[in-house]
C-alpha atoms as a PDB file:
ATOM      1  CA  UNK A   1     -27.404  24.045 -14.749  1.00  0.00           C
ATOM      2  CA  UNK A   2     -24.246  25.537 -16.361  1.00  0.00           C
ATOM      3  CA  UNK A   3     -22.075  23.500 -14.061  1.00  0.00           C
ATOM      4  CA  UNK A   4     -23.732  20.251 -14.958  1.00  0.00           C
ATOM      5  CA  UNK A   5     -23.088  21.013 -18.632  1.00  0.00           C
ATOM      6  CA  UNK A   6     -19.368  21.373 -17.919  1.00  0.00           C
ATOM      7  CA  UNK A   7     -18.645  18.379 -15.711  1.00  0.00           C
ATOM      8  CA  UNK A   8     -15.289  16.913 -16.467  1.00  0.00           C
ATOM      9  CA  UNK A   9     -13.568  13.657 -15.428  1.00  0.00           C
ATOM     10  CA  UNK A  10     -11.740  15.221 -12.606  1.00  0.00           C
ATOM     11  CA  UNK A  11     -14.915  16.469 -11.063  1.00  0.00           C
ATOM     12  CA  UNK A  12     -15.995  12.878 -10.721  1.00  0.00           C
ATOM     13  CA  UNK A  13     -12.635  11.883  -9.290  1.00  0.00           C
ATOM     14  CA  UNK A  14     -12.706  14.519  -6.628  1.00  0.00           C
ATOM     15  CA  UNK A  15     -16.178  13.443  -5.696  1.00  0.00           C
ATOM     16  CA  UNK A  16     -14.780   9.886  -5.447  1.00  0.00           C
ATOM     17  CA  UNK A  17     -12.024  11.160  -3.062  1.00  0.00           C
ATOM     18  CA  UNK A  18     -14.764  12.759  -0.907  1.00  0.00           C
ATOM     19  CA  UNK A  19     -16.568   9.439  -0.785  1.00  0.00           C
ATOM     20  CA  UNK A  20     -13.437   7.730   0.213  1.00  0.00           C
ATOM     21  CA  UNK A  21     -12.872  10.235   3.059  1.00  0.00           C
ATOM     22  CA  UNK A  22     -16.479   9.605   4.112  1.00  0.00           C
ATOM     23  CA  UNK A  23     -15.856   5.878   4.008  1.00  0.00           C
ATOM     24  CA  UNK A  24     -12.852   6.245   6.384  1.00  0.00           C
ATOM     25  CA  UNK A  25     -14.791   8.479   8.803  1.00  0.00           C
ATOM     26  CA  UNK A  26     -18.060   6.511   8.896  1.00  0.00           C
ATOM     27  CA  UNK A  27     -18.488   2.802   9.512  1.00  0.00           C
ATOM     28  CA  UNK A  28     -19.593   0.426   6.890  1.00  0.00           C
ATOM     29  CA  UNK A  29     -18.717  -0.049   3.268  1.00  0.00           C
ATOM     30  CA  UNK A  30     -21.428   2.165   1.696  1.00  0.00           C
ATOM     31  CA  UNK A  31     -19.351   5.039   0.411  1.00  0.00           C
ATOM     32  CA  UNK A  32     -16.651   2.840  -1.064  1.00  0.00           C
ATOM     33  CA  UNK A  33     -18.887   1.594  -3.712  1.00  0.00           C
ATOM     34  CA  UNK A  34     -20.108   5.040  -4.568  1.00  0.00           C
ATOM     35  CA  UNK A  35     -16.516   6.127  -4.903  1.00  0.00           C
ATOM     36  CA  UNK A  36     -15.961   3.207  -7.280  1.00  0.00           C
ATOM     37  CA  UNK A  37     -18.939   4.467  -9.327  1.00  0.00           C
ATOM     38  CA  UNK A  38     -17.523   8.004  -9.563  1.00  0.00           C
ATOM     39  CA  UNK A  39     -14.083   6.562 -10.532  1.00  0.00           C
ATOM     40  CA  UNK A  40     -15.615   4.647 -13.398  1.00  0.00           C
ATOM     41  CA  UNK A  41     -17.680   7.536 -14.626  1.00  0.00           C
ATOM     42  CA  UNK A  42     -14.583   9.682 -14.512  1.00  0.00           C
ATOM     43  CA  UNK A  43     -12.658   7.162 -16.511  1.00  0.00           C
ATOM     44  CA  UNK A  44     -15.571   7.007 -19.022  1.00  0.00           C
ATOM     45  CA  UNK A  45     -15.244  10.710 -19.469  1.00  0.00           C
ATOM     46  CA  UNK A  46     -11.484  10.492 -20.184  1.00  0.00           C
ATOM     47  CA  UNK A  47     -12.449   8.349 -23.221  1.00  0.00           C
ATOM     48  CA  UNK A  48     -15.821   9.839 -24.101  1.00  0.00           C
ATOM     49  CA  UNK A  49     -15.789  13.481 -22.974  1.00  0.00           C
ATOM     50  CA  UNK A  50     -18.962  14.286 -24.963  1.00  0.00           C
ATOM     51  CA  UNK A  51     -21.181  12.145 -22.738  1.00  0.00           C
ATOM     52  CA  UNK A  52     -24.053  14.263 -21.404  1.00  0.00           C
ATOM     53  CA  UNK A  53     -24.444  14.923 -17.679  1.00  0.00           C
ATOM     54  CA  UNK A  54     -27.732  13.045 -17.608  1.00  0.00           C
ATOM     55  CA  UNK A  55     -26.053   9.810 -18.949  1.00  0.00           C
ATOM     56  CA  UNK A  56     -23.169  10.378 -16.501  1.00  0.00           C
ATOM     57  CA  UNK A  57     -25.541  10.634 -13.529  1.00  0.00           C
ATOM     58  CA  UNK A  58     -27.477   7.516 -14.729  1.00  0.00           C
ATOM     59  CA  UNK A  59     -24.325   5.473 -15.062  1.00  0.00           C
ATOM     60  CA  UNK A  60     -23.068   6.670 -11.663  1.00  0.00           C
ATOM     61  CA  UNK A  61     -26.464   5.735 -10.020  1.00  0.00           C
ATOM     62  CA  UNK A  62     -26.618   2.315 -11.694  1.00  0.00           C
ATOM     63  CA  UNK A  63     -23.062   1.472 -10.907  1.00  0.00           C
ATOM     64  CA  UNK A  64     -23.396   2.651  -7.214  1.00  0.00           C
ATOM     65  CA  UNK A  65     -26.662   0.993  -6.554  1.00  0.00           C
ATOM     66  CA  UNK A  66     -25.689  -2.288  -8.241  1.00  0.00           C
ATOM     67  CA  UNK A  67     -22.323  -2.395  -6.467  1.00  0.00           C
ATOM     68  CA  UNK A  68     -23.888  -1.790  -3.106  1.00  0.00           C
ATOM     69  CA  UNK A  69     -26.549  -4.450  -3.735  1.00  0.00           C
ATOM     70  CA  UNK A  70     -23.950  -6.910  -4.912  1.00  0.00           C
ATOM     71  CA  UNK A  71     -21.774  -6.277  -1.917  1.00  0.00           C
ATOM     72  CA  UNK A  72     -24.704  -6.713   0.500  1.00  0.00           C
ATOM     73  CA  UNK A  73     -25.579  -9.944  -1.311  1.00  0.00           C
ATOM     74  CA  UNK A  74     -22.029 -11.285  -1.113  1.00  0.00           C
ATOM     75  CA  UNK A  75     -21.585 -10.270   2.565  1.00  0.00           C
ATOM     76  CA  UNK A  76     -24.876 -12.086   3.412  1.00  0.00           C
ATOM     77  CA  UNK A  77     -23.654 -15.229   1.634  1.00  0.00           C
ATOM     78  CA  UNK A  78     -20.229 -15.018   3.131  1.00  0.00           C
ATOM     79  CA  UNK A  79     -20.422 -13.682   6.699  1.00  0.00           C
ATOM     80  CA  UNK A  80     -17.060 -12.753   8.365  1.00  0.00           C
ATOM     81  CA  UNK A  81     -15.685 -15.425  10.654  1.00  0.00           C
ATOM     82  CA  UNK A  82     -15.642 -14.244  14.155  1.00  0.00           C
ATOM     83  CA  UNK A  83     -12.609 -15.157  16.241  1.00  0.00           C
ATOM     84  CA  UNK A  84     -13.126 -15.909  19.883  1.00  0.00           C
ATOM     85  CA  UNK A  85     -12.166 -12.767  21.769  1.00  0.00           C
ATOM     86  CA  UNK A  86      -9.547 -13.672  24.456  1.00  0.00           C
ATOM     87  CA  UNK A  87      -8.339 -10.147  25.151  1.00  0.00           C
ATOM     88  CA  UNK A  88      -9.511  -9.986  28.756  1.00  0.00           C
ATOM     89  CA  UNK A  89      -9.307 -13.654  29.369  1.00  0.00           C
ATOM     90  CA  UNK A  90      -5.583 -14.270  29.112  1.00  0.00           C
ATOM     91  CA  UNK A  91      -5.737 -17.919  30.186  1.00  0.00           C
ATOM     92  CA  UNK A  92      -7.988 -18.775  27.323  1.00  0.00           C
ATOM     93  CA  UNK A  93      -5.325 -17.719  24.890  1.00  0.00           C
ATOM     94  CA  UNK A  94      -3.166 -20.753  25.960  1.00  0.00           C
ATOM     95  CA  UNK A  95      -5.871 -23.367  25.236  1.00  0.00           C
ATOM     96  CA  UNK A  96      -4.353 -26.095  22.926  1.00  0.00           C
ATOM     97  CA  UNK A  97      -0.745 -25.216  23.821  1.00  0.00           C
ATOM     98  CA  UNK A  98       1.643 -27.799  25.379  1.00  0.00           C
ATOM     99  CA  UNK A  99       3.621 -27.090  28.487  1.00  0.00           C
ATOM    100  CA  UNK A 100       5.849 -28.877  31.001  1.00  0.00           C
ATOM    101  CA  UNK A 101       4.968 -28.939  34.692  1.00  0.00           C
ATOM    102  CA  UNK A 102       7.292 -27.053  36.901  1.00  0.00           C
ATOM    103  CA  UNK A 103       6.020 -28.613  40.055  1.00  0.00           C
ATOM    104  CA  UNK A 104       4.404 -31.999  40.602  1.00  0.00           C
ATOM    105  CA  UNK A 105       0.618 -31.778  41.061  1.00  0.00           C
ATOM    106  CA  UNK A 106      -0.729 -32.587  44.507  1.00  0.00           C
ATOM    107  CA  UNK A 107      -4.506 -33.460  44.501  1.00  0.00           C
ATOM    108  CA  UNK A 108      -4.666 -32.544  40.864  1.00  0.00           C
ATOM    109  CA  UNK A 109      -3.197 -28.933  41.437  1.00  0.00           C
ATOM    110  CA  UNK A 110       0.226 -27.768  40.319  1.00  0.00           C
ATOM    111  CA  UNK A 111       2.206 -24.997  38.540  1.00  0.00           C
ATOM    112  CA  UNK A 112       3.393 -24.543  34.954  1.00  0.00           C
ATOM    113  CA  UNK A 113       5.472 -21.772  33.462  1.00  0.00           C
ATOM    114  CA  UNK A 114       4.223 -20.361  30.167  1.00  0.00           C
ATOM    115  CA  UNK A 115       6.464 -17.708  28.600  1.00  0.00           C
ATOM    116  CA  UNK A 116       7.423 -15.444  31.580  1.00  0.00           C
ATOM    117  CA  UNK A 117       4.418 -16.362  33.815  1.00  0.00           C
ATOM    118  CA  UNK A 118       3.636 -19.122  36.285  1.00  0.00           C
ATOM    119  CA  UNK A 119       0.153 -20.428  36.120  1.00  0.00           C
ATOM    120  CA  UNK A 120      -1.726 -22.602  38.554  1.00  0.00           C
ATOM    121  CA  UNK A 121      -2.953 -25.728  36.839  1.00  0.00           C
ATOM    122  CA  UNK A 122      -5.541 -28.362  37.639  1.00  0.00           C
ATOM    123  CA  UNK A 123      -5.804 -31.751  36.018  1.00  0.00           C
ATOM    124  CA  UNK A 124      -9.195 -32.491  34.738  1.00  0.00           C
ATOM    125  CA  UNK A 125      -9.468 -35.841  36.502  1.00  0.00           C
ATOM    126  CA  UNK A 126      -7.785 -34.719  39.789  1.00  0.00           C
ATOM    127  CA  UNK A 127      -4.778 -37.096  39.198  1.00  0.00           C
ATOM    128  CA  UNK A 128      -1.236 -36.266  40.412  1.00  0.00           C
ATOM    129  CA  UNK A 129       1.494 -35.838  37.826  1.00  0.00           C
ATOM    130  CA  UNK A 130       5.260 -35.758  38.236  1.00  0.00           C
ATOM    131  CA  UNK A 131       7.319 -32.482  37.639  1.00  0.00           C
ATOM    132  CA  UNK A 132       8.420 -32.186  34.056  1.00  0.00           C
ATOM    133  CA  UNK A 133       5.371 -34.046  32.633  1.00  0.00           C
ATOM    134  CA  UNK A 134       4.144 -32.666  29.325  1.00  0.00           C
ATOM    135  CA  UNK A 135       0.580 -31.462  29.564  1.00  0.00           C
ATOM    136  CA  UNK A 136      -1.834 -29.987  27.127  1.00  0.00           C
ATOM    137  CA  UNK A 137      -3.965 -26.990  28.156  1.00  0.00           C
ATOM    138  CA  UNK A 138      -7.540 -27.856  27.586  1.00  0.00           C
ATOM    139  CA  UNK A 139      -9.327 -24.889  29.186  1.00  0.00           C
ATOM    140  CA  UNK A 140      -9.140 -22.022  31.621  1.00  0.00           C
ATOM    141  CA  UNK A 141     -11.147 -21.266  34.631  1.00  0.00           C
ATOM    142  CA  UNK A 142     -10.298 -17.758  35.809  1.00  0.00           C
ATOM    143  CA  UNK A 143      -6.574 -17.891  36.657  1.00  0.00           C
ATOM    144  CA  UNK A 144      -6.437 -21.746  36.799  1.00  0.00           C
ATOM    145  CA  UNK A 145      -5.575 -23.592  33.621  1.00  0.00           C
ATOM    146  CA  UNK A 146      -7.204 -26.900  33.013  1.00  0.00           C
ATOM    147  CA  UNK A 147      -4.589 -29.558  31.851  1.00  0.00           C
ATOM    148  CA  UNK A 148      -4.409 -33.158  30.742  1.00  0.00           C
ATOM    149  CA  UNK A 149      -1.381 -35.449  30.467  1.00  0.00           C
ATOM    150  CA  UNK A 150      -0.142 -36.197  26.977  1.00  0.00           C
END
């Protein structure tokens, strides 16, 4: 109990750093809010060093719990937007992009160069297009890009 009677602001800030390290090591945003609570209690002790340890713990508990609850509520109301993962589907990365046909399409199949790679393309309606025609990539089926004339 002697330690609790002699808690100073820097004790709270060190505890806050411990919570921040835990936040970096463990997934989620739980310890971040506890670190914020310790920082605020430490700041309180800078201006009011005579605050009893019971009040300090109470303030820390209220701040931490209310911050965690507020974060969970906000996160529930504002879920993160998920981007379509195209990491292992390289052709899907090009959907919406414009390109110029390198070879004329025959039976709806041809080639287009995108960046440093030649891709096999297929028109959505099977029509033949001349070389140099501007096309828009509308989809990807494996290594074949689906295109339509613009």
